[in-house]
């Protein structure tokens, strides 16, 4: 199973940013969200 920590390491973003992006938070920019997804 892939974890937030795995995505964080691969993307270079913090676990918090990854979590917010995947949950659709408006705090994270569209470009960043697309890169993480």
PDB file of N, CA and C in Angstrom:
ATOM      1  N   UNK A   1       0.841  -1.176   0.000  1.00  0.00           N
ATOM      2  CA  UNK A   1       0.000   0.000   0.000  1.00  0.00           C
ATOM      3  C   UNK A   1       0.891   1.247   0.000  1.00  0.00           C
ATOM      4  N   UNK A   2       0.519   2.244  -0.761  1.00  0.00           N
ATOM      5  CA  UNK A   2       1.258   3.501  -0.843  1.00  0.00           C
ATOM      6  C   UNK A   2       0.768   4.434   0.259  1.00  0.00           C
ATOM      7  N   UNK A   3       1.713   5.018   0.975  1.00  0.00           N
ATOM      8  CA  UNK A   3       1.364   5.917   2.077  1.00  0.00           C
ATOM      9  C   UNK A   3       1.616   7.373   1.692  1.00  0.00           C
ATOM     10  N   UNK A   4       1.096   8.284   2.504  1.00  0.00           N
ATOM     11  CA  UNK A   4       1.356   9.708   2.290  1.00  0.00           C
ATOM     12  C   UNK A   4       2.850   9.983   2.356  1.00  0.00           C
ATOM     13  N   UNK A   5       3.541   9.269   3.231  1.00  0.00           N
ATOM     14  CA  UNK A   5       4.989   9.448   3.372  1.00  0.00           C
ATOM     15  C   UNK A   5       5.712   9.053   2.080  1.00  0.00           C
ATOM     16  N   UNK A   6       5.271   7.984   1.430  1.00  0.00           N
ATOM     17  CA  UNK A   6       5.857   7.555   0.157  1.00  0.00           C
ATOM     18  C   UNK A   6       5.678   8.634  -0.907  1.00  0.00           C
ATOM     19  N   UNK A   7       4.473   9.163  -0.997  1.00  0.00           N
ATOM     20  CA  UNK A   7       4.181  10.213  -1.980  1.00  0.00           C
ATOM     21  C   UNK A   7       5.000  11.457  -1.666  1.00  0.00           C
ATOM     22  N   UNK A   8       5.127  11.768  -0.393  1.00  0.00           N
ATOM     23  CA  UNK A   8       5.895  12.922   0.043  1.00  0.00           C
ATOM     24  C   UNK A   8       7.351  12.811  -0.400  1.00  0.00           C
ATOM     25  N   UNK A   9       7.945  11.657  -0.185  1.00  0.00           N
ATOM     26  CA  UNK A   9       9.346  11.443  -0.571  1.00  0.00           C
ATOM     27  C   UNK A   9       9.534  11.587  -2.079  1.00  0.00           C
ATOM     28  N   UNK A  10       8.640  10.995  -2.843  1.00  0.00           N
ATOM     29  CA  UNK A  10       8.754  11.035  -4.308  1.00  0.00           C
ATOM     30  C   UNK A  10       8.500  12.421  -4.883  1.00  0.00           C
ATOM     31  N   UNK A  11       7.563  13.154  -4.283  1.00  0.00           N
ATOM     32  CA  UNK A  11       7.178  14.454  -4.835  1.00  0.00           C
ATOM     33  C   UNK A  11       8.031  15.604  -4.315  1.00  0.00           C
ATOM     34  N   UNK A  12       8.644  15.410  -3.147  1.00  0.00           N
ATOM     35  CA  UNK A  12       9.434  16.481  -2.555  1.00  0.00           C
ATOM     36  C   UNK A  12       8.615  17.448  -1.711  1.00  0.00           C
ATOM     37  N   UNK A  13       7.336  17.160  -1.536  1.00  0.00           N
ATOM     38  CA  UNK A  13       6.461  17.988  -0.706  1.00  0.00           C
ATOM     39  C   UNK A  13       6.293  17.331   0.654  1.00  0.00           C
ATOM     40  N   UNK A  14       5.902  18.116   1.641  1.00  0.00           N
ATOM     41  CA  UNK A  14       5.696  17.577   2.986  1.00  0.00           C
ATOM     42  C   UNK A  14       4.467  16.673   3.013  1.00  0.00           C
ATOM     43  N   UNK A  15       4.420  15.828   4.032  1.00  0.00           N
ATOM     44  CA  UNK A  15       3.270  14.940   4.216  1.00  0.00           C
ATOM     45  C   UNK A  15       2.000  15.771   4.354  1.00  0.00           C
ATOM     46  N   UNK A  16       2.107  16.882   5.060  1.00  0.00           N
ATOM     47  CA  UNK A  16       0.954  17.764   5.258  1.00  0.00           C
ATOM     48  C   UNK A  16       0.440  18.312   3.929  1.00  0.00           C
ATOM     49  N   UNK A  17       1.345  18.769   3.079  1.00  0.00           N
ATOM     50  CA  UNK A  17       0.959  19.313   1.777  1.00  0.00           C
ATOM     51  C   UNK A  17       0.323  18.233   0.911  1.00  0.00           C
ATOM     52  N   UNK A  18       0.904  17.057   0.917  1.00  0.00           N
ATOM     53  CA  UNK A  18       0.360  15.933   0.140  1.00  0.00           C
ATOM     54  C   UNK A  18      -1.053  15.605   0.606  1.00  0.00           C
ATOM     55  N   UNK A  19      -1.242  15.534   1.908  1.00  0.00           N
ATOM     56  CA  UNK A  19      -2.558  15.232   2.463  1.00  0.00           C
ATOM     57  C   UNK A  19      -3.585  16.278   2.053  1.00  0.00           C
ATOM     58  N   UNK A  20      -3.223  17.539   2.183  1.00  0.00           N
ATOM     59  CA  UNK A  20      -4.144  18.623   1.820  1.00  0.00           C
ATOM     60  C   UNK A  20      -4.477  18.578   0.332  1.00  0.00           C
ATOM     61  N   UNK A  21      -3.473  18.328  -0.500  1.00  0.00           N
ATOM     62  CA  UNK A  21      -3.697  18.282  -1.947  1.00  0.00           C
ATOM     63  C   UNK A  21      -4.645  17.146  -2.321  1.00  0.00           C
ATOM     64  N   UNK A  22      -4.447  15.984  -1.724  1.00  0.00           N
ATOM     65  CA  UNK A  22      -5.286  14.829  -2.052  1.00  0.00           C
ATOM     66  C   UNK A  22      -6.697  14.956  -1.499  1.00  0.00           C
ATOM     67  N   UNK A  23      -6.864  15.784  -0.483  1.00  0.00           N
ATOM     68  CA  UNK A  23      -8.192  16.002   0.102  1.00  0.00           C
ATOM     69  C   UNK A  23      -8.885  17.236  -0.462  1.00  0.00           C
ATOM     70  N   UNK A  24      -8.269  17.864  -1.473  1.00  0.00           N
ATOM     71  CA  UNK A  24      -8.910  18.975  -2.159  1.00  0.00           C
ATOM     72  C   UNK A  24      -8.909  20.297  -1.414  1.00  0.00           C
ATOM     73  N   UNK A  25      -7.939  20.492  -0.542  1.00  0.00           N
ATOM     74  CA  UNK A  25      -7.868  21.738   0.222  1.00  0.00           C
ATOM     75  C   UNK A  25      -7.594  22.927  -0.694  1.00  0.00           C
ATOM     76  N   UNK A  26      -8.278  24.028  -0.430  1.00  0.00           N
ATOM     77  CA  UNK A  26      -8.067  25.244  -1.218  1.00  0.00           C
ATOM     78  C   UNK A  26      -6.768  25.948  -0.826  1.00  0.00           C
ATOM     79  N   UNK A  27      -6.108  25.471   0.227  1.00  0.00           N
ATOM     80  CA  UNK A  27      -4.837  26.050   0.663  1.00  0.00           C
ATOM     81  C   UNK A  27      -3.695  25.700  -0.287  1.00  0.00           C
ATOM     82  N   UNK A  28      -3.886  24.656  -1.092  1.00  0.00           N
ATOM     83  CA  UNK A  28      -2.850  24.167  -1.990  1.00  0.00           C
ATOM     84  C   UNK A  28      -3.198  24.576  -3.416  1.00  0.00           C
ATOM     85  N   UNK A  29      -2.218  25.095  -4.125  1.00  0.00           N
ATOM     86  CA  UNK A  29      -2.448  25.557  -5.490  1.00  0.00           C
ATOM     87  C   UNK A  29      -2.816  24.427  -6.439  1.00  0.00           C
ATOM     88  N   UNK A  30      -3.471  24.794  -7.504  1.00  0.00           N
ATOM     89  CA  UNK A  30      -3.915  23.810  -8.503  1.00  0.00           C
ATOM     90  C   UNK A  30      -2.719  23.085  -9.108  1.00  0.00           C
ATOM     91  N   UNK A  31      -1.676  23.822  -9.433  1.00  0.00           N
ATOM     92  CA  UNK A  31      -0.493  23.229 -10.054  1.00  0.00           C
ATOM     93  C   UNK A  31       0.143  22.187  -9.128  1.00  0.00           C
ATOM     94  N   UNK A  32       0.281  22.536  -7.862  1.00  0.00           N
ATOM     95  CA  UNK A  32       0.854  21.613  -6.884  1.00  0.00           C
ATOM     96  C   UNK A  32      -0.024  20.382  -6.732  1.00  0.00           C
ATOM     97  N   UNK A  33      -1.323  20.586  -6.649  1.00  0.00           N
ATOM     98  CA  UNK A  33      -2.258  19.467  -6.519  1.00  0.00           C
ATOM     99  C   UNK A  33      -2.137  18.523  -7.704  1.00  0.00           C
ATOM    100  N   UNK A  34      -2.054  19.060  -8.896  1.00  0.00           N
ATOM    101  CA  UNK A  34      -1.932  18.224 -10.091  1.00  0.00           C
ATOM    102  C   UNK A  34      -0.619  17.454 -10.105  1.00  0.00           C
ATOM    103  N   UNK A  35       0.464  18.082  -9.660  1.00  0.00           N
ATOM    104  CA  UNK A  35       1.757  17.396  -9.611  1.00  0.00           C
ATOM    105  C   UNK A  35       1.728  16.231  -8.625  1.00  0.00           C
ATOM    106  N   UNK A  36       1.058  16.431  -7.514  1.00  0.00           N
ATOM    107  CA  UNK A  36       0.990  15.386  -6.488  1.00  0.00           C
ATOM    108  C   UNK A  36       0.073  14.248  -6.922  1.00  0.00           C
ATOM    109  N   UNK A  37      -1.021  14.575  -7.573  1.00  0.00           N
ATOM    110  CA  UNK A  37      -1.955  13.538  -8.018  1.00  0.00           C
ATOM    111  C   UNK A  37      -1.328  12.711  -9.109  1.00  0.00           C
TER     112      UNK A  37
END
